[in-house]
N, C-alpha and C. Protein backbone atom coordinates (compact mmCIF):
# COMPACT_ATOMS: atom_id res chain seq x y z
N MET A 1 58.68 -24.79 49.44
CA MET A 1 58.26 -24.80 48.06
C MET A 1 58.76 -23.55 47.39
N SER A 2 59.14 -23.75 46.16
CA SER A 2 59.62 -22.60 45.40
C SER A 2 58.44 -21.95 44.70
N ASP A 3 58.73 -20.80 44.13
CA ASP A 3 57.66 -20.07 43.43
C ASP A 3 57.16 -20.85 42.23
N SER A 4 58.05 -21.52 41.53
CA SER A 4 57.62 -22.28 40.36
C SER A 4 56.77 -23.47 40.77
N GLU A 5 57.10 -24.07 41.93
CA GLU A 5 56.29 -25.18 42.40
C GLU A 5 54.90 -24.69 42.83
N LEU A 6 54.86 -23.52 43.43
CA LEU A 6 53.57 -22.97 43.81
C LEU A 6 52.72 -22.70 42.57
N THR A 7 53.35 -22.18 41.57
CA THR A 7 52.63 -21.90 40.33
C THR A 7 52.15 -23.19 39.71
N THR A 8 53.02 -24.20 39.68
CA THR A 8 52.64 -25.48 39.12
C THR A 8 51.55 -26.13 39.96
N ALA A 9 51.68 -26.01 41.24
CA ALA A 9 50.70 -26.61 42.12
C ALA A 9 49.35 -25.92 42.01
N SER A 10 49.36 -24.61 41.78
CA SER A 10 48.09 -23.90 41.71
C SER A 10 47.45 -24.00 40.31
N SER A 11 48.23 -24.38 39.31
CA SER A 11 47.69 -24.46 37.95
C SER A 11 46.57 -25.48 37.82
N PRO A 12 46.70 -26.69 38.35
CA PRO A 12 45.59 -27.62 38.21
C PRO A 12 44.33 -27.11 38.90
N THR A 13 44.48 -26.45 40.00
CA THR A 13 43.33 -25.91 40.71
C THR A 13 42.65 -24.84 39.86
N GLU A 14 43.47 -23.96 39.27
CA GLU A 14 42.91 -22.92 38.41
C GLU A 14 42.23 -23.54 37.20
N THR A 15 42.84 -24.57 36.65
CA THR A 15 42.28 -25.23 35.49
C THR A 15 40.95 -25.87 35.86
N GLN A 16 40.90 -26.47 37.05
CA GLN A 16 39.64 -27.09 37.48
C GLN A 16 38.56 -26.03 37.68
N GLN A 17 38.96 -24.88 38.19
CA GLN A 17 37.98 -23.82 38.40
C GLN A 17 37.52 -23.24 37.07
N LYS A 18 38.42 -23.17 36.12
CA LYS A 18 38.06 -22.59 34.83
C LYS A 18 37.22 -23.56 34.00
N GLN A 19 37.39 -24.83 34.18
CA GLN A 19 36.63 -25.79 33.39
C GLN A 19 35.13 -25.66 33.61
N PRO A 20 34.67 -25.56 34.84
CA PRO A 20 33.23 -25.38 35.00
C PRO A 20 32.75 -24.08 34.34
N THR A 21 33.61 -23.06 34.42
CA THR A 21 33.24 -21.80 33.79
C THR A 21 33.12 -22.00 32.29
N MET A 22 34.05 -22.74 31.70
CA MET A 22 34.00 -22.99 30.27
C MET A 22 32.77 -23.85 29.94
N GLU A 23 32.47 -24.81 30.77
CA GLU A 23 31.29 -25.63 30.54
C GLU A 23 30.03 -24.79 30.61
N SER A 24 30.00 -23.89 31.59
CA SER A 24 28.82 -23.05 31.70
C SER A 24 28.72 -22.11 30.51
N GLN A 25 29.88 -21.68 29.97
CA GLN A 25 29.85 -20.83 28.78
C GLN A 25 29.38 -21.61 27.57
N THR A 26 29.79 -22.86 27.47
CA THR A 26 29.35 -23.65 26.33
C THR A 26 27.88 -24.02 26.48
N GLU A 27 27.40 -24.12 27.69
CA GLU A 27 25.99 -24.40 27.90
C GLU A 27 25.13 -23.19 27.59
N GLN A 28 25.64 -22.01 27.86
CA GLN A 28 24.85 -20.81 27.62
C GLN A 28 24.44 -20.65 26.16
N PRO A 29 25.37 -20.79 25.19
CA PRO A 29 24.91 -20.68 23.81
C PRO A 29 23.87 -21.75 23.46
N GLN A 30 24.02 -22.94 24.02
CA GLN A 30 23.02 -23.98 23.76
C GLN A 30 21.68 -23.57 24.35
N ASP A 31 21.73 -23.02 25.56
CA ASP A 31 20.49 -22.56 26.18
C ASP A 31 19.86 -21.45 25.34
N LEU A 32 20.70 -20.51 24.87
CA LEU A 32 20.19 -19.45 24.02
C LEU A 32 19.66 -20.03 22.72
N GLN A 33 20.37 -21.01 22.21
CA GLN A 33 19.95 -21.65 20.97
C GLN A 33 18.59 -22.33 21.18
N ASN A 34 18.44 -22.98 22.30
CA ASN A 34 17.16 -23.61 22.60
C ASN A 34 16.05 -22.57 22.74
N GLU A 35 16.38 -21.44 23.37
CA GLU A 35 15.40 -20.38 23.52
C GLU A 35 15.00 -19.83 22.16
N VAL A 36 15.97 -19.67 21.27
CA VAL A 36 15.68 -19.17 19.94
C VAL A 36 14.76 -20.14 19.22
N HIS A 37 15.01 -21.41 19.36
CA HIS A 37 14.15 -22.40 18.71
C HIS A 37 12.78 -22.47 19.37
N GLN A 38 12.71 -22.13 20.64
CA GLN A 38 11.43 -22.20 21.33
C GLN A 38 10.57 -20.97 21.06
N GLU A 39 11.18 -19.80 20.83
CA GLU A 39 10.41 -18.58 20.62
C GLU A 39 9.46 -18.67 19.43
N PRO A 40 9.92 -19.14 18.25
CA PRO A 40 8.96 -19.25 17.15
C PRO A 40 7.79 -20.16 17.47
N THR A 41 8.05 -21.19 18.27
CA THR A 41 6.97 -22.07 18.67
C THR A 41 5.95 -21.30 19.49
N LYS A 42 6.44 -20.41 20.35
CA LYS A 42 5.55 -19.60 21.15
C LYS A 42 4.74 -18.66 20.25
N LEU A 43 5.41 -18.06 19.24
CA LEU A 43 4.71 -17.16 18.34
C LEU A 43 3.68 -17.91 17.51
N ASN A 44 4.02 -19.12 17.10
CA ASN A 44 3.08 -19.90 16.30
C ASN A 44 1.86 -20.31 17.10
N SER A 45 2.04 -20.49 18.40
CA SER A 45 0.92 -20.93 19.21
C SER A 45 -0.08 -19.80 19.47
N THR A 46 0.38 -18.54 19.39
CA THR A 46 -0.55 -17.43 19.55
C THR A 46 -1.15 -17.09 18.20
N SER A 47 -2.38 -16.73 18.22
CA SER A 47 -3.08 -16.43 16.97
C SER A 47 -3.02 -14.94 16.69
N LEU A 48 -2.32 -14.57 15.62
CA LEU A 48 -2.25 -13.19 15.19
C LEU A 48 -3.22 -13.00 14.03
N THR A 49 -4.01 -11.97 14.12
CA THR A 49 -4.96 -11.69 13.07
C THR A 49 -4.57 -10.40 12.38
N PHE A 50 -4.38 -10.50 11.09
CA PHE A 50 -4.06 -9.34 10.27
C PHE A 50 -5.17 -9.19 9.26
N ARG A 51 -5.93 -8.12 9.38
CA ARG A 51 -7.06 -7.89 8.49
C ARG A 51 -6.70 -6.80 7.49
N ILE A 52 -6.88 -7.12 6.23
CA ILE A 52 -6.57 -6.17 5.18
C ILE A 52 -7.84 -5.47 4.68
N TRP A 53 -8.98 -6.08 4.95
CA TRP A 53 -10.26 -5.49 4.56
C TRP A 53 -11.18 -5.42 5.75
N PRO A 54 -11.88 -4.38 5.97
CA PRO A 54 -11.96 -3.15 5.20
C PRO A 54 -10.80 -2.21 5.54
N PRO A 55 -10.44 -1.34 4.60
CA PRO A 55 -9.36 -0.40 4.87
C PRO A 55 -9.81 0.65 5.90
N SER A 56 -8.86 1.17 6.62
CA SER A 56 -9.19 2.21 7.61
C SER A 56 -9.57 3.50 6.88
N GLN A 57 -10.19 4.41 7.61
CA GLN A 57 -10.57 5.69 7.01
C GLN A 57 -9.32 6.44 6.56
N ARG A 58 -8.26 6.30 7.31
CA ARG A 58 -6.98 6.94 6.94
C ARG A 58 -6.49 6.42 5.58
N THR A 59 -6.60 5.13 5.36
CA THR A 59 -6.19 4.53 4.08
C THR A 59 -7.10 5.01 2.96
N ARG A 60 -8.38 5.06 3.23
CA ARG A 60 -9.33 5.52 2.21
C ARG A 60 -9.07 6.98 1.85
N ASP A 61 -8.74 7.80 2.84
CA ASP A 61 -8.40 9.20 2.57
C ASP A 61 -7.11 9.31 1.74
N ALA A 62 -6.16 8.43 2.01
CA ALA A 62 -4.92 8.41 1.23
C ALA A 62 -5.20 8.02 -0.23
N VAL A 63 -6.12 7.10 -0.43
CA VAL A 63 -6.51 6.70 -1.79
C VAL A 63 -7.13 7.89 -2.51
N ILE A 64 -7.99 8.62 -1.84
CA ILE A 64 -8.63 9.80 -2.43
C ILE A 64 -7.58 10.84 -2.80
N SER A 65 -6.64 11.08 -1.90
CA SER A 65 -5.57 12.05 -2.17
C SER A 65 -4.75 11.64 -3.39
N ARG A 66 -4.45 10.37 -3.47
CA ARG A 66 -3.68 9.87 -4.61
C ARG A 66 -4.47 9.99 -5.91
N LEU A 67 -5.76 9.74 -5.85
CA LEU A 67 -6.62 9.90 -7.03
C LEU A 67 -6.63 11.35 -7.50
N ILE A 68 -6.77 12.27 -6.56
CA ILE A 68 -6.76 13.69 -6.90
C ILE A 68 -5.44 14.05 -7.58
N GLU A 69 -4.35 13.59 -7.01
CA GLU A 69 -3.03 13.86 -7.59
C GLU A 69 -2.92 13.28 -9.00
N THR A 70 -3.40 12.07 -9.19
CA THR A 70 -3.34 11.41 -10.49
C THR A 70 -4.18 12.15 -11.53
N LEU A 71 -5.33 12.65 -11.12
CA LEU A 71 -6.23 13.31 -12.06
C LEU A 71 -5.83 14.74 -12.40
N THR A 72 -5.00 15.36 -11.56
CA THR A 72 -4.67 16.77 -11.77
C THR A 72 -3.25 17.02 -12.27
N THR A 73 -2.37 16.07 -12.14
CA THR A 73 -0.98 16.29 -12.53
C THR A 73 -0.66 15.63 -13.86
N PRO A 74 0.38 16.11 -14.54
CA PRO A 74 0.76 15.49 -15.81
C PRO A 74 1.15 14.02 -15.63
N SER A 75 0.60 13.18 -16.48
CA SER A 75 0.89 11.75 -16.44
C SER A 75 0.52 11.15 -17.79
N VAL A 76 0.71 9.87 -17.94
CA VAL A 76 0.30 9.19 -19.16
C VAL A 76 -1.21 9.34 -19.34
N LEU A 77 -1.93 9.25 -18.25
CA LEU A 77 -3.39 9.39 -18.29
C LEU A 77 -3.79 10.79 -18.76
N SER A 78 -3.14 11.82 -18.22
CA SER A 78 -3.51 13.19 -18.61
C SER A 78 -3.06 13.51 -20.03
N LYS A 79 -1.99 12.90 -20.48
CA LYS A 79 -1.57 13.13 -21.87
C LYS A 79 -2.61 12.59 -22.84
N ARG A 80 -3.21 11.50 -22.50
CA ARG A 80 -4.20 10.88 -23.39
C ARG A 80 -5.59 11.49 -23.24
N TYR A 81 -6.01 11.74 -22.00
CA TYR A 81 -7.38 12.17 -21.75
C TYR A 81 -7.50 13.59 -21.20
N GLY A 82 -6.41 14.22 -20.85
CA GLY A 82 -6.44 15.54 -20.26
C GLY A 82 -6.54 15.45 -18.74
N SER A 83 -6.15 16.52 -18.08
CA SER A 83 -6.22 16.53 -16.62
C SER A 83 -7.47 17.29 -16.18
N LEU A 84 -7.85 17.08 -14.95
CA LEU A 84 -9.04 17.71 -14.41
C LEU A 84 -8.63 18.87 -13.51
N PRO A 85 -9.49 19.89 -13.42
CA PRO A 85 -9.24 20.95 -12.43
C PRO A 85 -9.33 20.36 -11.03
N SER A 86 -8.65 20.97 -10.08
CA SER A 86 -8.58 20.43 -8.71
C SER A 86 -9.94 20.18 -8.08
N ASP A 87 -10.86 21.14 -8.20
CA ASP A 87 -12.17 20.97 -7.55
C ASP A 87 -12.95 19.82 -8.18
N GLU A 88 -12.88 19.69 -9.50
CA GLU A 88 -13.56 18.59 -10.17
C GLU A 88 -12.89 17.25 -9.83
N ALA A 89 -11.58 17.25 -9.78
CA ALA A 89 -10.84 16.03 -9.44
C ALA A 89 -11.15 15.60 -8.00
N SER A 90 -11.30 16.55 -7.12
CA SER A 90 -11.60 16.24 -5.72
C SER A 90 -12.97 15.56 -5.59
N SER A 91 -13.98 16.14 -6.22
CA SER A 91 -15.32 15.54 -6.12
C SER A 91 -15.37 14.20 -6.86
N ALA A 92 -14.72 14.12 -8.02
CA ALA A 92 -14.69 12.86 -8.76
C ALA A 92 -13.96 11.77 -7.96
N SER A 93 -12.88 12.13 -7.32
CA SER A 93 -12.11 11.16 -6.54
C SER A 93 -12.91 10.60 -5.37
N ARG A 94 -13.62 11.47 -4.69
CA ARG A 94 -14.45 11.01 -3.56
C ARG A 94 -15.55 10.07 -4.05
N THR A 95 -16.15 10.42 -5.17
CA THR A 95 -17.20 9.57 -5.74
C THR A 95 -16.64 8.23 -6.19
N ILE A 96 -15.51 8.27 -6.88
CA ILE A 96 -14.86 7.05 -7.36
C ILE A 96 -14.55 6.12 -6.21
N GLU A 97 -13.94 6.66 -5.16
CA GLU A 97 -13.55 5.83 -4.01
C GLU A 97 -14.77 5.26 -3.32
N GLN A 98 -15.80 6.07 -3.11
CA GLN A 98 -17.00 5.61 -2.41
C GLN A 98 -17.71 4.52 -3.20
N GLU A 99 -17.83 4.70 -4.51
CA GLU A 99 -18.49 3.68 -5.34
C GLU A 99 -17.67 2.39 -5.37
N ALA A 100 -16.37 2.52 -5.49
CA ALA A 100 -15.50 1.33 -5.51
C ALA A 100 -15.58 0.59 -4.18
N PHE A 101 -15.61 1.34 -3.09
CA PHE A 101 -15.72 0.73 -1.77
C PHE A 101 -17.05 -0.02 -1.63
N SER A 102 -18.13 0.58 -2.10
CA SER A 102 -19.45 -0.05 -2.02
C SER A 102 -19.50 -1.35 -2.83
N VAL A 103 -18.94 -1.32 -4.03
CA VAL A 103 -18.92 -2.52 -4.86
C VAL A 103 -18.10 -3.62 -4.18
N ALA A 104 -16.93 -3.27 -3.67
CA ALA A 104 -16.07 -4.26 -3.01
C ALA A 104 -16.72 -4.79 -1.74
N GLU A 105 -17.35 -3.92 -0.99
CA GLU A 105 -18.03 -4.33 0.26
C GLU A 105 -19.15 -5.31 -0.05
N ALA A 106 -19.89 -5.04 -1.12
CA ALA A 106 -20.99 -5.94 -1.51
C ALA A 106 -20.45 -7.29 -1.98
N ALA A 107 -19.26 -7.30 -2.54
CA ALA A 107 -18.67 -8.55 -3.05
C ALA A 107 -17.99 -9.36 -1.95
N SER A 108 -17.79 -8.77 -0.79
CA SER A 108 -17.08 -9.48 0.28
C SER A 108 -17.98 -10.47 0.99
N SER A 109 -17.33 -11.48 1.56
CA SER A 109 -18.05 -12.45 2.38
C SER A 109 -17.19 -12.78 3.59
N ALA A 110 -17.75 -13.48 4.53
CA ALA A 110 -17.04 -13.81 5.77
C ALA A 110 -15.84 -14.71 5.52
N GLU A 111 -15.90 -15.53 4.47
CA GLU A 111 -14.82 -16.48 4.21
C GLU A 111 -13.61 -15.84 3.52
N ASP A 112 -13.81 -14.68 2.90
CA ASP A 112 -12.72 -14.04 2.18
C ASP A 112 -11.62 -13.61 3.13
N ASP A 113 -10.37 -13.71 2.65
CA ASP A 113 -9.24 -13.30 3.48
C ASP A 113 -8.94 -11.82 3.31
N GLY A 114 -9.63 -11.15 2.43
CA GLY A 114 -9.45 -9.71 2.27
C GLY A 114 -8.66 -9.34 1.04
N ILE A 115 -7.76 -10.18 0.62
CA ILE A 115 -6.92 -9.86 -0.53
C ILE A 115 -7.76 -9.78 -1.80
N GLU A 116 -8.67 -10.73 -1.97
CA GLU A 116 -9.53 -10.71 -3.16
C GLU A 116 -10.41 -9.47 -3.17
N ILE A 117 -10.92 -9.09 -2.02
CA ILE A 117 -11.78 -7.92 -1.92
C ILE A 117 -10.97 -6.66 -2.21
N LEU A 118 -9.75 -6.62 -1.72
CA LEU A 118 -8.88 -5.48 -1.99
C LEU A 118 -8.58 -5.36 -3.49
N GLN A 119 -8.44 -6.49 -4.16
CA GLN A 119 -8.24 -6.48 -5.62
C GLN A 119 -9.47 -5.94 -6.33
N VAL A 120 -10.65 -6.33 -5.88
CA VAL A 120 -11.89 -5.82 -6.46
C VAL A 120 -11.95 -4.30 -6.27
N TYR A 121 -11.63 -3.85 -5.08
CA TYR A 121 -11.63 -2.41 -4.74
C TYR A 121 -10.66 -1.66 -5.66
N SER A 122 -9.47 -2.18 -5.81
CA SER A 122 -8.45 -1.54 -6.63
C SER A 122 -8.87 -1.50 -8.11
N LYS A 123 -9.39 -2.60 -8.61
CA LYS A 123 -9.83 -2.65 -10.01
C LYS A 123 -10.99 -1.70 -10.26
N GLU A 124 -11.90 -1.61 -9.31
CA GLU A 124 -13.04 -0.70 -9.44
C GLU A 124 -12.58 0.75 -9.47
N ILE A 125 -11.61 1.08 -8.63
CA ILE A 125 -11.07 2.45 -8.62
C ILE A 125 -10.45 2.76 -9.98
N SER A 126 -9.63 1.84 -10.50
CA SER A 126 -8.99 2.07 -11.80
C SER A 126 -10.01 2.22 -12.91
N LYS A 127 -10.99 1.34 -12.91
CA LYS A 127 -12.03 1.37 -13.95
C LYS A 127 -12.82 2.67 -13.89
N ARG A 128 -13.21 3.05 -12.69
CA ARG A 128 -14.02 4.26 -12.54
C ARG A 128 -13.22 5.52 -12.83
N MET A 129 -11.94 5.52 -12.50
CA MET A 129 -11.09 6.68 -12.81
C MET A 129 -10.98 6.84 -14.33
N LEU A 130 -10.76 5.74 -15.02
CA LEU A 130 -10.67 5.78 -16.48
C LEU A 130 -12.01 6.22 -17.09
N ASP A 131 -13.11 5.70 -16.56
CA ASP A 131 -14.44 6.11 -17.04
C ASP A 131 -14.65 7.61 -16.84
N ALA A 132 -14.20 8.14 -15.71
CA ALA A 132 -14.39 9.57 -15.42
C ALA A 132 -13.62 10.44 -16.41
N VAL A 133 -12.38 10.10 -16.69
CA VAL A 133 -11.61 10.93 -17.63
C VAL A 133 -12.10 10.75 -19.06
N LYS A 134 -12.55 9.55 -19.41
CA LYS A 134 -13.10 9.32 -20.75
C LYS A 134 -14.40 10.10 -20.94
N SER A 135 -15.27 10.08 -19.94
CA SER A 135 -16.54 10.80 -20.07
C SER A 135 -16.30 12.30 -20.18
N ARG A 136 -15.30 12.78 -19.48
CA ARG A 136 -14.96 14.20 -19.58
C ARG A 136 -14.45 14.52 -20.97
N LEU A 137 -13.64 13.64 -21.52
CA LEU A 137 -13.13 13.83 -22.87
C LEU A 137 -14.27 13.80 -23.88
N ASN A 138 -15.20 12.86 -23.70
CA ASN A 138 -16.35 12.77 -24.59
C ASN A 138 -17.22 14.03 -24.50
N ALA A 139 -17.36 14.57 -23.30
CA ALA A 139 -18.13 15.79 -23.12
C ALA A 139 -17.44 16.95 -23.84
N ALA A 140 -16.11 16.99 -23.74
CA ALA A 140 -15.36 18.04 -24.42
C ALA A 140 -15.46 17.87 -25.94
N ALA A 141 -15.44 16.64 -26.42
CA ALA A 141 -15.56 16.37 -27.85
C ALA A 141 -16.96 16.77 -28.34
N ALA A 142 -17.97 16.49 -27.54
CA ALA A 142 -19.33 16.88 -27.90
C ALA A 142 -19.46 18.39 -27.95
N ALA A 143 -18.77 19.07 -27.05
CA ALA A 143 -18.79 20.52 -27.04
C ALA A 143 -18.14 21.07 -28.30
N VAL A 144 -17.07 20.44 -28.76
CA VAL A 144 -16.40 20.86 -29.98
C VAL A 144 -17.33 20.65 -31.17
N ASP A 145 -17.98 19.50 -31.21
CA ASP A 145 -18.93 19.22 -32.30
C ASP A 145 -20.07 20.23 -32.27
N GLY A 146 -20.55 20.53 -31.09
CA GLY A 146 -21.63 21.50 -30.94
C GLY A 146 -21.19 22.87 -31.36
N ASN A 147 -19.92 23.21 -31.09
CA ASN A 147 -19.37 24.51 -31.45
C ASN A 147 -19.28 24.63 -32.97
N GLU A 148 -18.94 23.54 -33.63
CA GLU A 148 -18.84 23.56 -35.08
C GLU A 148 -20.22 23.71 -35.71
N ASN A 149 -21.25 23.29 -35.03
CA ASN A 149 -22.62 23.41 -35.54
C ASN A 149 -23.31 24.69 -35.09
N GLY A 150 -22.54 25.60 -34.54
CA GLY A 150 -23.09 26.87 -34.11
C GLY A 150 -23.53 26.90 -32.67
N VAL A 151 -23.32 25.83 -31.94
CA VAL A 151 -23.67 25.78 -30.53
C VAL A 151 -22.43 26.15 -29.74
N GLY A 152 -22.56 26.84 -28.61
CA GLY A 152 -21.43 27.29 -27.80
C GLY A 152 -20.70 26.14 -27.14
N VAL A 153 -19.53 26.42 -26.61
CA VAL A 153 -18.72 25.44 -25.90
C VAL A 153 -19.40 25.14 -24.58
N ALA A 154 -19.38 23.90 -24.16
CA ALA A 154 -20.03 23.48 -22.92
C ALA A 154 -19.47 24.25 -21.74
N ALA A 155 -20.32 24.55 -20.78
CA ALA A 155 -19.89 25.27 -19.59
C ALA A 155 -18.88 24.43 -18.83
N GLY A 156 -17.83 25.07 -18.35
CA GLY A 156 -16.81 24.38 -17.57
C GLY A 156 -15.68 23.84 -18.42
N SER A 157 -15.82 23.86 -19.75
CA SER A 157 -14.75 23.38 -20.62
C SER A 157 -13.71 24.48 -20.78
N THR A 158 -12.49 24.09 -20.86
CA THR A 158 -11.42 25.05 -21.07
C THR A 158 -10.87 24.88 -22.47
N GLU A 159 -10.06 25.82 -22.88
CA GLU A 159 -9.45 25.72 -24.20
C GLU A 159 -8.63 24.45 -24.33
N ASP A 160 -7.94 24.09 -23.26
CA ASP A 160 -7.13 22.87 -23.28
C ASP A 160 -8.00 21.64 -23.47
N ASP A 161 -9.17 21.63 -22.82
CA ASP A 161 -10.08 20.50 -22.97
C ASP A 161 -10.54 20.37 -24.42
N VAL A 162 -10.88 21.50 -25.00
CA VAL A 162 -11.38 21.50 -26.36
C VAL A 162 -10.28 21.07 -27.32
N SER A 163 -9.08 21.61 -27.14
CA SER A 163 -7.98 21.24 -28.03
C SER A 163 -7.59 19.78 -27.85
N THR A 164 -7.66 19.27 -26.62
CA THR A 164 -7.38 17.86 -26.39
C THR A 164 -8.43 17.00 -27.07
N ALA A 165 -9.68 17.41 -26.96
CA ALA A 165 -10.77 16.66 -27.59
C ALA A 165 -10.63 16.70 -29.11
N GLU A 166 -10.24 17.85 -29.64
CA GLU A 166 -10.04 17.95 -31.08
C GLU A 166 -8.92 17.03 -31.54
N ALA A 167 -7.85 17.00 -30.77
CA ALA A 167 -6.71 16.16 -31.12
C ALA A 167 -7.08 14.68 -31.11
N GLU A 168 -7.94 14.30 -30.17
CA GLU A 168 -8.35 12.91 -30.07
C GLU A 168 -9.37 12.52 -31.14
N ALA A 169 -10.15 13.52 -31.62
CA ALA A 169 -11.21 13.24 -32.59
C ALA A 169 -10.68 13.00 -33.96
């Protein structure tokens, strides 16, 4: 036999050996494809519980920090109602968050999925924050009125508070 005959003779054998390999390669993606289709079924069969209410203490602390930042830094809110000193903002923020949490907790029930309760909590925080800055503005305005009538400026009021109250009045 010549070399070319050996090559020709061995080619069908090589082709036969490679065919099963190719078949196994084509089967592998199908197997992987089947596994991919089976995995979501496995995930769906397990029950995952994601609870949004009640928020963790870490989340509640983050809300308080954000409230303090909102009440003390320049913003649309501070332009209209004035900003609070840090110590006052800190105590007001803790009170706002605690009261909002209590209201939302009282409104929750076992059937709620948590999203509605979280909305109540968020709305209560917004409402109470606005009430806090408005009441402070009203107190500053009352101090200005009292000052015009010969009564001194309310304790804890600053010149900025008084001028803001005057501008709003």
